[in-house]
Every structure is written in structure tokens, then in C-alpha cells.
Amino acid sequence: MPKKQFKVVFDRDRCKGCELCKTFCPKKLIEMDTQVNARGYCPATMTDQTQCIGCQSCAMVCPDGAIAIYEEE
């Protein structure tokens, strides 16, 4: 059976760069972007989407609801 693939989508303009998602990612796949968003924060981004296990830890801990995870077909 092939490995499930997940797509993590960050709403860059909702993210305030609190780094909770980065802290809670068990695979350590989240980093903070170097470019600021519309609110003046460095938002979260994925380093390697292919390694995401879809645990949703990042989305559950995000206080701003800025993260969505989708299972790819």
C-alpha cells in the first residue's frame, strides 16, 4: 500500500509567527519563513511536504486557525 501524502496549507496572513506549530511538529518539518506577511510577522512554512505524516498537531495547536491539512489523492 502506498504511503499517504498530505498537503499542509498555511494562511500566511493569519499567522503571527508564534512558533507553536514548529514546536509541536513531531517530524520537525515546520520553519519560520524569512519574508514577513501583511501583519509584519514571519509566518510558518513547511520544509518538506513529502515527509508530513498528517498528524495535525500543528493545526490543533495553532491559536489563529492558520493551518489546514489535506490528504492528497
N, C-alpha and C. Protein backbone atom coordinates (compact mmCIF):
# COMPACT_ATOMS: atom_id res chain seq x y z
N MET A 1 0.84 -1.18 0.00
CA MET A 1 0.00 0.00 0.00
C MET A 1 0.89 1.25 0.00
N PRO A 2 0.63 2.20 -0.91
CA PRO A 2 1.46 3.40 -0.97
C PRO A 2 1.27 4.30 0.25
N LYS A 3 2.33 5.03 0.55
CA LYS A 3 2.30 5.95 1.69
C LYS A 3 1.34 7.10 1.40
N LYS A 4 0.51 7.46 2.38
CA LYS A 4 -0.40 8.59 2.22
C LYS A 4 0.41 9.88 2.15
N GLN A 5 -0.04 10.78 1.29
CA GLN A 5 0.60 12.09 1.15
C GLN A 5 -0.34 13.16 1.68
N PHE A 6 0.22 14.13 2.35
CA PHE A 6 -0.57 15.21 2.93
C PHE A 6 -0.05 16.55 2.45
N LYS A 7 -0.97 17.49 2.34
CA LYS A 7 -0.59 18.86 1.97
C LYS A 7 -0.96 19.76 3.13
N VAL A 8 0.02 20.48 3.62
CA VAL A 8 -0.20 21.43 4.71
C VAL A 8 -0.27 22.82 4.10
N VAL A 9 -1.35 23.52 4.41
CA VAL A 9 -1.56 24.86 3.86
C VAL A 9 -1.59 25.85 5.02
N PHE A 10 -0.72 26.85 4.91
CA PHE A 10 -0.66 27.90 5.91
C PHE A 10 -1.32 29.16 5.36
N ASP A 11 -2.19 29.77 6.14
CA ASP A 11 -2.74 31.07 5.78
C ASP A 11 -1.73 32.10 6.26
N ARG A 12 -0.86 32.51 5.36
CA ARG A 12 0.27 33.37 5.71
C ARG A 12 -0.15 34.64 6.45
N ASP A 13 -1.27 35.22 6.06
CA ASP A 13 -1.67 36.49 6.66
C ASP A 13 -2.36 36.34 8.02
N ARG A 14 -2.79 35.13 8.36
CA ARG A 14 -3.37 34.89 9.69
C ARG A 14 -2.30 34.52 10.71
N CYS A 15 -1.17 33.99 10.23
CA CYS A 15 -0.09 33.53 11.11
C CYS A 15 0.60 34.71 11.79
N LYS A 16 0.80 34.59 13.10
CA LYS A 16 1.52 35.64 13.85
C LYS A 16 2.92 35.19 14.27
N GLY A 17 3.36 34.06 13.72
CA GLY A 17 4.73 33.62 13.98
C GLY A 17 5.02 33.20 15.39
N CYS A 18 4.03 32.64 16.09
CA CYS A 18 4.22 32.26 17.50
C CYS A 18 5.10 31.01 17.66
N GLU A 19 5.27 30.25 16.59
CA GLU A 19 6.12 29.06 16.54
C GLU A 19 5.58 27.86 17.31
N LEU A 20 4.33 27.88 17.75
CA LEU A 20 3.76 26.72 18.42
C LEU A 20 3.73 25.52 17.48
N CYS A 21 3.36 25.74 16.23
CA CYS A 21 3.30 24.64 15.26
C CYS A 21 4.69 24.03 15.07
N LYS A 22 5.69 24.87 15.01
CA LYS A 22 7.07 24.40 14.86
C LYS A 22 7.47 23.54 16.06
N THR A 23 7.09 23.95 17.24
CA THR A 23 7.41 23.24 18.47
C THR A 23 6.73 21.87 18.53
N PHE A 24 5.48 21.80 18.07
CA PHE A 24 4.70 20.57 18.21
C PHE A 24 4.82 19.59 17.05
N CYS A 25 5.46 19.98 15.96
CA CYS A 25 5.60 19.07 14.81
C CYS A 25 6.54 17.93 15.19
N PRO A 26 6.04 16.68 15.22
CA PRO A 26 6.89 15.57 15.64
C PRO A 26 8.00 15.25 14.64
N LYS A 27 7.84 15.66 13.39
CA LYS A 27 8.85 15.41 12.37
C LYS A 27 9.78 16.62 12.16
N LYS A 28 9.52 17.71 12.87
CA LYS A 28 10.33 18.94 12.78
C LYS A 28 10.40 19.45 11.33
N LEU A 29 9.23 19.53 10.68
CA LEU A 29 9.15 19.94 9.28
C LEU A 29 8.75 21.40 9.11
N ILE A 30 8.46 22.08 10.19
CA ILE A 30 7.99 23.46 10.09
C ILE A 30 9.09 24.43 10.51
N GLU A 31 9.26 25.44 9.68
CA GLU A 31 10.21 26.51 9.95
C GLU A 31 9.49 27.84 9.76
N MET A 32 10.10 28.90 10.21
CA MET A 32 9.51 30.21 10.01
C MET A 32 10.11 30.82 8.74
N ASP A 33 9.25 31.38 7.91
CA ASP A 33 9.67 31.98 6.65
C ASP A 33 10.54 33.21 6.93
N THR A 34 11.35 33.56 5.97
CA THR A 34 12.21 34.74 6.13
C THR A 34 11.52 36.01 5.66
N GLN A 35 10.43 35.87 4.90
CA GLN A 35 9.70 37.03 4.41
C GLN A 35 8.49 37.28 5.30
N VAL A 36 8.24 38.53 5.63
CA VAL A 36 7.14 38.88 6.51
C VAL A 36 5.81 38.87 5.76
N ASN A 37 4.74 38.65 6.52
CA ASN A 37 3.39 38.66 5.95
C ASN A 37 2.81 40.07 6.05
N ALA A 38 1.52 40.22 5.71
CA ALA A 38 0.85 41.52 5.73
C ALA A 38 0.79 42.13 7.13
N ARG A 39 0.86 41.27 8.16
CA ARG A 39 0.80 41.75 9.54
C ARG A 39 2.18 42.04 10.13
N GLY A 40 3.22 41.78 9.35
CA GLY A 40 4.58 42.07 9.80
C GLY A 40 5.27 40.94 10.53
N TYR A 41 4.71 39.72 10.45
CA TYR A 41 5.30 38.55 11.11
C TYR A 41 5.93 37.62 10.08
N CYS A 42 6.88 36.82 10.53
CA CYS A 42 7.45 35.77 9.69
C CYS A 42 6.58 34.52 9.90
N PRO A 43 5.77 34.16 8.91
CA PRO A 43 4.84 33.04 9.07
C PRO A 43 5.51 31.68 8.95
N ALA A 44 4.79 30.67 9.38
CA ALA A 44 5.27 29.29 9.32
C ALA A 44 5.23 28.77 7.88
N THR A 45 6.12 27.84 7.59
CA THR A 45 6.16 27.20 6.28
C THR A 45 6.71 25.79 6.46
N MET A 46 6.48 24.93 5.48
CA MET A 46 6.96 23.54 5.54
C MET A 46 8.32 23.43 4.87
N THR A 47 9.18 22.62 5.45
CA THR A 47 10.48 22.38 4.84
C THR A 47 10.41 21.24 3.83
N ASP A 48 9.54 20.23 4.08
CA ASP A 48 9.42 19.09 3.17
C ASP A 48 8.03 18.46 3.30
N GLN A 49 7.12 18.87 2.42
CA GLN A 49 5.75 18.38 2.45
C GLN A 49 5.67 16.86 2.37
N THR A 50 6.59 16.24 1.65
CA THR A 50 6.51 14.80 1.41
C THR A 50 6.72 13.98 2.68
N GLN A 51 7.29 14.57 3.72
CA GLN A 51 7.56 13.86 4.96
C GLN A 51 6.45 14.03 6.01
N CYS A 52 5.45 14.86 5.71
CA CYS A 52 4.35 15.10 6.65
C CYS A 52 3.55 13.81 6.85
N ILE A 53 3.27 13.48 8.11
CA ILE A 53 2.52 12.26 8.43
C ILE A 53 1.03 12.54 8.68
N GLY A 54 0.61 13.80 8.54
CA GLY A 54 -0.79 14.15 8.69
C GLY A 54 -1.33 14.06 10.09
N CYS A 55 -0.50 14.19 11.09
CA CYS A 55 -0.94 14.04 12.49
C CYS A 55 -1.82 15.20 12.96
N GLN A 56 -1.73 16.33 12.29
CA GLN A 56 -2.50 17.54 12.58
C GLN A 56 -2.13 18.22 13.90
N SER A 57 -1.01 17.86 14.46
CA SER A 57 -0.57 18.52 15.70
C SER A 57 -0.43 20.02 15.50
N CYS A 58 0.13 20.41 14.37
CA CYS A 58 0.34 21.83 14.10
C CYS A 58 -0.98 22.57 14.00
N ALA A 59 -1.95 22.00 13.29
CA ALA A 59 -3.25 22.64 13.11
C ALA A 59 -4.01 22.74 14.42
N MET A 60 -3.93 21.72 15.25
CA MET A 60 -4.67 21.72 16.52
C MET A 60 -4.11 22.75 17.50
N VAL A 61 -2.80 22.98 17.46
CA VAL A 61 -2.19 23.88 18.43
C VAL A 61 -2.19 25.35 17.95
N CYS A 62 -2.48 25.59 16.70
CA CYS A 62 -2.45 26.95 16.15
C CYS A 62 -3.58 27.80 16.73
N PRO A 63 -3.23 28.86 17.47
CA PRO A 63 -4.27 29.69 18.09
C PRO A 63 -5.03 30.55 17.10
N ASP A 64 -4.52 30.69 15.89
CA ASP A 64 -5.16 31.55 14.90
C ASP A 64 -5.87 30.78 13.80
N GLY A 65 -5.88 29.45 13.87
CA GLY A 65 -6.53 28.65 12.85
C GLY A 65 -5.93 28.89 11.47
N ALA A 66 -4.63 29.06 11.42
CA ALA A 66 -3.95 29.41 10.17
C ALA A 66 -3.42 28.20 9.41
N ILE A 67 -3.71 26.99 9.89
CA ILE A 67 -3.15 25.78 9.27
C ILE A 67 -4.26 24.80 8.92
N ALA A 68 -4.22 24.31 7.69
CA ALA A 68 -5.15 23.27 7.24
C ALA A 68 -4.33 22.14 6.63
N ILE A 69 -4.77 20.90 6.86
CA ILE A 69 -4.06 19.73 6.33
C ILE A 69 -5.04 18.92 5.50
N TYR A 70 -4.60 18.59 4.30
CA TYR A 70 -5.42 17.81 3.36
C TYR A 70 -4.70 16.54 2.96
N GLU A 71 -5.45 15.46 2.86
CA GLU A 71 -4.88 14.22 2.34
C GLU A 71 -4.97 14.28 0.82
N GLU A 72 -3.86 14.05 0.16
CA GLU A 72 -3.84 14.09 -1.29
C GLU A 72 -4.22 12.75 -1.87
N GLU A 73 -4.87 12.79 -3.01
CA GLU A 73 -5.32 11.57 -3.71
C GLU A 73 -4.15 10.86 -4.34
